[in-house]
Amino acid sequence: MFTHFKVLGALGACALLAGCATFRPLNPPETNVRAGYLYSADLSFSGSSPVHLRLMCNVPGSIANSINYQEESTVANLGVTREISLSGTISGIQASVVSASLAGSLSDYYDLKMTNTVKKFLSEEEARIVFNKLMNRPTCYNEYVANRGRSVYQIFAIYVGDVELKVRGDRGFSADLSAKLKALEPKAKVEIKRKFDMSFSGKQMVGAVETIKR
């Protein structure tokens, strides 16, 4: 799970004006989160619980294309099962579990993991430059002023990877049960994709972010 994942380099972000960058899993993982952009958080940003982010203002191509991202490809696989609350209550999947004579939630039988994970991030100076450019745009500045008293965050880093769904290998399932669970995987993937807009076809998802409070 993300809560057991050690963030690499714990980050030289503490020198930023807004303080240390904070690592947070996303609920659910998604594709459209970009490092450098400004977001507001819909959920409490205390502790380590997953959050959902809302983009505060559109970023023009002139700014987006000028951002110089750095990458680290040595990030371990990330478990995202808990982060999307994968349970037997998801429509369609529960019926499949019952028909297989199983009990409990899907997280008892399956794991969702992000593999080939890469950390894409900005330098401290780059983050400042992008923030200042956004503040020079009236729409971004007005949104920032309107939301500043609540929760405005600049994304310092994103963790991007490919999502996999697999039968849990740590439960010692019998060969017969493992075969049943394997047969249910396609339907489970369809329902998860429908509910969370999550791709299993190699489209990279953002599973976690590091944020700077602005």
Protein backbone atom coordinates (compact mmCIF):
# COMPACT_ATOMS: atom_id res chain seq x y z
CA MET A 1 0.00 0.00 0.00
CA PHE A 2 1.07 3.59 -0.40
CA THR A 3 1.26 3.95 3.37
CA HIS A 4 4.11 1.43 3.39
CA PHE A 5 5.90 3.06 0.48
CA LYS A 6 8.99 5.09 1.22
CA VAL A 7 9.11 8.24 -0.83
CA LEU A 8 12.49 8.61 -2.45
CA GLY A 9 14.50 11.59 -1.46
CA ALA A 10 12.03 13.02 1.11
CA LEU A 11 12.54 15.80 -0.66
CA GLY A 12 14.64 18.77 -0.99
CA ALA A 13 11.31 20.53 -1.28
CA CYS A 14 11.54 21.81 2.28
CA ALA A 15 13.36 24.87 1.00
CA LEU A 16 10.29 25.93 -0.96
CA LEU A 17 8.48 29.01 0.27
CA ALA A 18 5.39 26.96 1.15
CA GLY A 19 7.34 24.35 3.12
CA CYS A 20 7.93 20.63 2.65
CA ALA A 21 6.24 18.72 -0.15
CA THR A 22 3.69 16.18 1.10
CA PHE A 23 3.24 12.72 -0.41
CA ARG A 24 -0.38 11.70 -0.98
CA PRO A 25 -2.02 8.78 -2.85
CA LEU A 26 -4.83 9.74 -5.22
CA ASN A 27 -8.36 8.40 -4.88
CA PRO A 28 -8.75 7.07 -7.51
CA PRO A 29 -5.59 7.06 -9.66
CA GLU A 30 -6.11 9.13 -12.82
CA THR A 31 -4.34 10.31 -15.96
CA ASN A 32 -4.75 14.08 -16.05
CA VAL A 33 -2.71 15.29 -13.07
CA ARG A 34 0.39 17.30 -14.03
CA ALA A 35 3.34 18.40 -11.95
CA GLY A 36 3.51 22.19 -11.63
CA TYR A 37 -0.24 22.78 -11.94
CA LEU A 38 -2.46 24.18 -9.17
CA TYR A 39 -5.19 22.05 -7.58
CA SER A 40 -7.64 22.24 -4.73
CA ALA A 41 -8.25 19.16 -2.58
CA ASP A 42 -11.82 17.96 -2.12
CA LEU A 43 -10.90 15.86 0.92
CA SER A 44 -9.05 16.67 4.11
CA PHE A 45 -5.33 17.00 3.52
CA SER A 46 -4.43 15.82 7.01
CA GLY A 47 -2.73 12.51 7.72
CA SER A 48 -2.03 10.09 4.87
CA SER A 49 -5.52 9.31 3.55
CA PRO A 50 -6.01 9.34 -0.25
CA VAL A 51 -7.26 12.55 -1.84
CA HIS A 52 -9.14 13.69 -4.92
CA LEU A 53 -7.77 16.77 -6.66
CA ARG A 54 -9.60 19.45 -8.68
CA LEU A 55 -7.67 21.46 -11.27
CA MET A 56 -8.03 25.13 -10.36
CA CYS A 57 -7.35 26.72 -13.74
CA ASN A 58 -6.37 25.74 -17.26
CA VAL A 59 -2.70 26.01 -18.15
CA PRO A 60 -1.93 27.35 -21.65
CA GLY A 61 0.43 25.48 -23.92
CA SER A 62 3.01 28.26 -23.65
CA ILE A 63 3.43 27.43 -19.95
CA ALA A 64 2.81 23.67 -20.13
CA ASN A 65 5.38 23.17 -22.88
CA SER A 66 8.00 25.20 -21.05
CA ILE A 67 8.04 23.04 -17.91
CA ASN A 68 11.23 21.00 -17.54
CA TYR A 69 10.39 17.74 -15.77
CA GLN A 70 12.95 15.51 -14.13
CA GLU A 71 12.44 11.75 -13.74
CA GLU A 72 13.45 8.92 -11.43
CA SER A 73 12.71 5.41 -12.67
CA THR A 74 13.78 3.53 -9.54
CA VAL A 75 10.44 3.78 -7.75
CA ALA A 76 9.05 0.49 -6.40
CA ASN A 77 5.65 -0.88 -7.46
CA LEU A 78 2.75 0.82 -5.67
CA GLY A 79 -0.29 -1.00 -4.29
CA VAL A 80 -3.53 0.89 -4.97
CA THR A 81 -6.20 -1.57 -3.79
CA ARG A 82 -7.08 0.37 -0.64
CA GLU A 83 -6.83 3.72 -2.39
CA ILE A 84 -9.79 3.06 -4.67
CA SER A 85 -11.82 1.24 -1.97
CA LEU A 86 -12.01 -1.90 -4.08
CA SER A 87 -14.88 -3.88 -2.50
CA GLY A 88 -17.62 -6.33 -3.37
CA THR A 89 -20.15 -3.49 -3.46
CA ILE A 90 -18.97 -2.38 -6.91
CA SER A 91 -21.87 -3.00 -9.28
CA GLY A 92 -21.53 -6.14 -11.38
CA ILE A 93 -18.45 -7.42 -9.59
CA GLN A 94 -20.37 -8.46 -6.48
CA ALA A 95 -22.57 -10.79 -8.54
CA SER A 96 -19.48 -12.40 -10.01
CA VAL A 97 -18.01 -12.98 -6.57
CA VAL A 98 -21.25 -14.50 -5.28
CA SER A 99 -21.57 -16.78 -8.30
CA ALA A 100 -18.09 -18.08 -7.59
CA SER A 101 -19.24 -19.00 -4.06
CA LEU A 102 -16.91 -16.47 -2.51
CA ALA A 103 -17.44 -14.23 0.48
CA GLY A 104 -15.95 -10.93 1.48
CA SER A 105 -14.75 -8.03 -0.63
CA LEU A 106 -12.79 -8.21 -3.84
CA SER A 107 -9.75 -6.87 -2.02
CA ASP A 108 -9.68 -10.22 -0.21
CA TYR A 109 -8.95 -11.91 -3.53
CA TYR A 110 -7.37 -9.36 -5.87
CA ASP A 111 -4.60 -6.77 -5.79
CA LEU A 112 -4.37 -3.64 -7.89
CA LYS A 113 -0.81 -2.49 -8.43
CA MET A 114 0.98 0.20 -10.37
CA THR A 115 4.06 -1.15 -12.10
CA ASN A 116 6.85 0.48 -14.11
CA THR A 117 6.40 3.45 -11.79
CA VAL A 118 8.27 6.66 -12.56
CA LYS A 119 8.49 9.79 -10.46
CA LYS A 120 8.22 12.97 -12.56
CA PHE A 121 9.00 16.16 -10.68
CA LEU A 122 10.06 19.79 -10.86
CA SER A 123 13.08 21.43 -9.33
CA GLU A 124 12.39 23.95 -6.58
CA GLU A 125 13.25 26.82 -8.91
CA GLU A 126 11.05 25.44 -11.69
CA ALA A 127 8.10 25.15 -9.30
CA ARG A 128 8.52 28.81 -8.33
CA ILE A 129 8.73 29.91 -11.96
CA VAL A 130 5.59 28.01 -12.97
CA PHE A 131 3.66 29.29 -9.95
CA ASN A 132 4.61 32.90 -10.74
CA LYS A 133 3.55 32.45 -14.38
CA LEU A 134 0.18 31.08 -13.27
CA MET A 135 -0.30 34.00 -10.89
CA ASN A 136 0.14 36.34 -13.86
CA ARG A 137 -2.95 34.80 -15.49
CA PRO A 138 -6.16 36.49 -14.23
CA THR A 139 -8.21 33.26 -14.17
CA CYS A 140 -5.58 31.43 -12.12
CA TYR A 141 -4.98 34.36 -9.81
CA ASN A 142 -8.69 34.83 -9.13
CA GLU A 143 -9.15 31.12 -8.37
CA TYR A 144 -6.12 31.20 -6.11
CA VAL A 145 -7.44 34.18 -4.15
CA ALA A 146 -10.90 32.60 -3.87
CA ASN A 147 -9.55 29.29 -2.56
CA ARG A 148 -6.42 30.30 -0.68
CA GLY A 149 -8.06 30.17 2.73
CA ARG A 150 -8.99 26.52 2.20
CA SER A 151 -6.74 24.14 0.28
CA VAL A 152 -4.62 25.22 -2.68
CA TYR A 153 -1.73 22.98 -3.70
CA GLN A 154 0.86 22.99 -6.42
CA ILE A 155 1.88 19.53 -7.58
CA PHE A 156 5.61 19.10 -7.04
CA ALA A 157 5.84 15.50 -8.28
CA ILE A 158 3.64 12.78 -9.75
CA TYR A 159 4.08 8.99 -9.58
CA VAL A 160 3.08 7.46 -12.91
CA GLY A 161 2.73 3.78 -13.78
CA ASP A 162 0.73 1.02 -15.47
CA VAL A 163 -2.17 -0.54 -13.55
CA GLU A 164 -2.39 -4.32 -13.12
CA LEU A 165 -5.11 -6.46 -11.53
CA LYS A 166 -3.94 -9.84 -10.24
CA VAL A 167 -5.17 -12.61 -7.98
CA ARG A 168 -3.59 -12.20 -4.57
CA GLY A 169 -0.65 -14.53 -4.26
CA ASP A 170 -0.26 -14.22 -0.50
CA ARG A 171 -3.48 -16.01 0.50
CA GLY A 172 -2.61 -19.60 -0.40
CA PHE A 173 -5.70 -20.13 -2.58
CA SER A 174 -6.35 -23.62 -3.89
CA ALA A 175 -5.70 -24.29 -7.57
CA ASP A 176 -9.47 -24.49 -8.20
CA LEU A 177 -10.20 -21.18 -6.48
CA SER A 178 -7.29 -19.45 -8.20
CA ALA A 179 -8.66 -20.63 -11.55
CA LYS A 180 -12.11 -19.22 -10.72
CA LEU A 181 -10.63 -15.90 -9.68
CA LYS A 182 -8.51 -15.74 -12.81
CA ALA A 183 -11.63 -16.34 -14.92
CA LEU A 184 -13.37 -13.41 -13.20
CA GLU A 185 -10.56 -10.93 -13.89
CA PRO A 186 -11.90 -9.63 -17.26
CA LYS A 187 -15.29 -8.72 -15.75
CA ALA A 188 -13.65 -7.15 -12.72
CA LYS A 189 -11.47 -5.02 -14.99
CA VAL A 190 -14.49 -3.86 -17.01
CA GLU A 191 -16.35 -2.76 -13.88
CA ILE A 192 -13.32 -1.04 -12.34
CA LYS A 193 -12.66 0.78 -15.62
CA ARG A 194 -16.31 1.89 -15.78
CA LYS A 195 -16.48 3.12 -12.21
CA PHE A 196 -13.03 4.70 -11.86
CA ASP A 197 -12.07 5.45 -15.48
CA MET A 198 -8.98 3.34 -14.96
CA SER A 199 -7.17 1.76 -17.90
CA PHE A 200 -5.53 -1.67 -17.92
CA SER A 201 -4.23 -1.36 -21.49
CA GLY A 202 -0.90 0.29 -20.78
CA LYS A 203 -2.17 3.86 -20.43
CA GLN A 204 -0.15 5.28 -17.57
CA MET A 205 -2.03 6.43 -14.48
CA VAL A 206 -0.99 8.89 -11.77
CA GLY A 207 -1.27 7.02 -8.48
CA ALA A 208 0.28 9.49 -6.06
CA VAL A 209 1.53 13.06 -5.87
CA GLU A 210 3.76 15.29 -3.81
CA THR A 211 2.20 18.65 -3.12
CA ILE A 212 3.26 22.08 -1.92
CA LYS A 213 0.63 24.07 -0.03
CA ARG A 214 0.17 27.45 -1.63
